[in-house]
Amino acid sequence: MAARFKVKRKGIGQMLRMPGMEAEMKRRAEVIKSVAVSISPVDERSPDPGHYKGSWETDSTRRGGRRRDRAAGYVRNTAYYARWVEYGTERVPAHHVLLRAAQIGGRNQ
């Protein structure tokens, strides 16, 4: 006879917000951050070379996601010009540092 399994949405919600799940999301964010730091461009001609590379940070929460119902990890760069490095401008090509870090870091987990 086959085993029976009954899903309870409340239980799945609790599982997605467990401290262990938050810790795993934080760990994955740290992996992506380390890749982002390693591939970040450094402009030696700028007044503060390495500022972009040193501005990566991570965070995690138990109330993340679109509906705030699951653990989530976040990776961000606090340099004011980070969006221009990521997406480029009409004069500077896009580097897609965070995108590439997520792709590479996701494979390394």
Protein backbone atom coordinates (compact mmCIF):
# COMPACT_ATOMS: atom_id res chain seq x y z
CA MET A 1 0.00 0.00 0.00
CA ALA A 2 1.29 3.45 -0.92
CA ALA A 3 2.09 5.97 1.80
CA ARG A 4 -0.21 8.95 2.18
CA PHE A 5 0.94 12.50 2.60
CA LYS A 6 -1.29 15.44 3.41
CA VAL A 7 0.07 18.94 2.87
CA LYS A 8 -0.73 21.66 5.36
CA ARG A 9 -0.03 25.14 4.01
CA LYS A 10 0.50 26.53 7.50
CA GLY A 11 3.25 23.99 8.12
CA ILE A 12 4.99 24.80 4.85
CA GLY A 13 4.84 28.49 5.71
CA GLN A 14 6.43 27.79 9.08
CA MET A 15 9.14 25.70 7.42
CA LEU A 16 9.95 28.51 4.96
CA ARG A 17 10.45 30.91 7.90
CA MET A 18 12.55 28.64 10.13
CA PRO A 19 15.85 30.00 11.51
CA GLY A 20 17.72 27.29 9.61
CA MET A 21 16.14 28.42 6.34
CA GLU A 22 17.14 32.02 7.04
CA ALA A 23 20.69 30.87 7.83
CA GLU A 24 20.85 29.01 4.50
CA MET A 25 19.64 32.07 2.60
CA LYS A 26 22.31 34.17 4.35
CA ARG A 27 24.98 31.58 3.44
CA ARG A 28 23.93 31.63 -0.21
CA ALA A 29 23.97 35.45 -0.20
CA GLU A 30 27.52 35.37 1.20
CA VAL A 31 28.62 33.03 -1.62
CA ILE A 32 27.16 35.40 -4.22
CA LYS A 33 28.76 38.39 -2.46
CA SER A 34 32.20 36.75 -2.54
CA VAL A 35 31.85 36.13 -6.28
CA ALA A 36 30.66 39.73 -6.82
CA VAL A 37 33.67 41.10 -4.94
CA SER A 38 36.04 38.96 -6.99
CA ILE A 39 34.64 40.12 -10.36
CA SER A 40 33.98 43.77 -9.46
CA PRO A 41 35.76 46.25 -11.73
CA VAL A 42 38.23 48.69 -10.19
CA ASP A 43 38.94 52.04 -11.88
CA GLU A 44 42.45 53.06 -10.86
CA ARG A 45 41.88 56.56 -12.29
CA SER A 46 38.96 57.33 -9.96
CA PRO A 47 39.44 59.40 -6.76
CA ASP A 48 38.53 56.36 -4.62
CA PRO A 49 39.63 53.18 -6.43
CA GLY A 50 38.09 50.05 -4.97
CA HIS A 51 35.09 51.82 -3.43
CA TYR A 52 32.63 49.84 -5.55
CA LYS A 53 34.41 46.58 -4.78
CA GLY A 54 34.32 47.28 -1.05
CA SER A 55 30.66 48.32 -0.96
CA TRP A 56 29.06 44.87 -1.22
CA GLU A 57 26.93 43.75 1.72
CA THR A 58 24.49 40.97 2.55
CA ASP A 59 21.40 40.68 4.71
CA SER A 60 18.71 38.11 5.44
CA THR A 61 15.21 38.07 6.84
CA ARG A 62 12.52 35.57 7.72
CA ARG A 63 9.87 37.76 6.10
CA GLY A 64 11.13 38.12 2.54
CA GLY A 65 9.81 37.45 -0.91
CA ARG A 66 7.02 39.18 -2.72
CA ARG A 67 4.41 38.22 -0.11
CA ARG A 68 6.74 38.42 2.89
CA ASP A 69 6.08 34.77 3.66
CA ARG A 70 9.52 33.14 3.44
CA ALA A 71 13.16 33.51 4.40
CA ALA A 72 15.25 35.48 1.94
CA GLY A 73 18.84 36.57 1.49
CA TYR A 74 19.84 39.87 -0.10
CA VAL A 75 23.03 41.06 -1.79
CA ARG A 76 23.46 44.75 -2.56
CA ASN A 77 26.08 47.31 -3.38
CA THR A 78 25.81 50.59 -1.48
CA ALA A 79 27.94 52.69 -3.85
CA TYR A 80 25.73 55.43 -5.30
CA TYR A 81 26.86 54.58 -8.83
CA ALA A 82 26.30 50.79 -8.53
CA ARG A 83 23.30 50.82 -10.88
CA TRP A 84 25.40 52.45 -13.60
CA VAL A 85 28.11 49.81 -13.23
CA GLU A 86 25.48 47.06 -13.37
CA TYR A 87 23.35 48.38 -16.24
CA GLY A 88 25.73 50.79 -18.00
CA THR A 89 25.07 54.18 -19.55
CA GLU A 90 25.21 55.51 -23.08
CA ARG A 91 28.99 55.96 -22.65
CA VAL A 92 29.90 53.08 -20.35
CA PRO A 93 29.07 49.45 -21.13
CA ALA A 94 27.13 47.38 -18.60
CA HIS A 95 29.21 45.07 -16.42
CA HIS A 96 26.30 43.03 -14.94
CA VAL A 97 28.36 42.21 -11.84
CA LEU A 98 25.44 41.13 -9.65
CA LEU A 99 23.81 39.15 -12.44
CA ARG A 100 27.02 37.27 -13.23
CA ALA A 101 27.74 36.74 -9.51
CA ALA A 102 24.30 35.20 -8.99
CA GLN A 103 24.78 32.93 -11.99
CA ILE A 104 28.27 31.82 -10.93
CA GLY A 105 27.50 31.72 -7.20
CA GLY A 106 24.37 29.69 -7.80
CA ARG A 107 26.45 26.98 -9.44
CA ASN A 108 29.03 27.00 -6.62
CA GLN A 109 26.52 26.23 -3.90
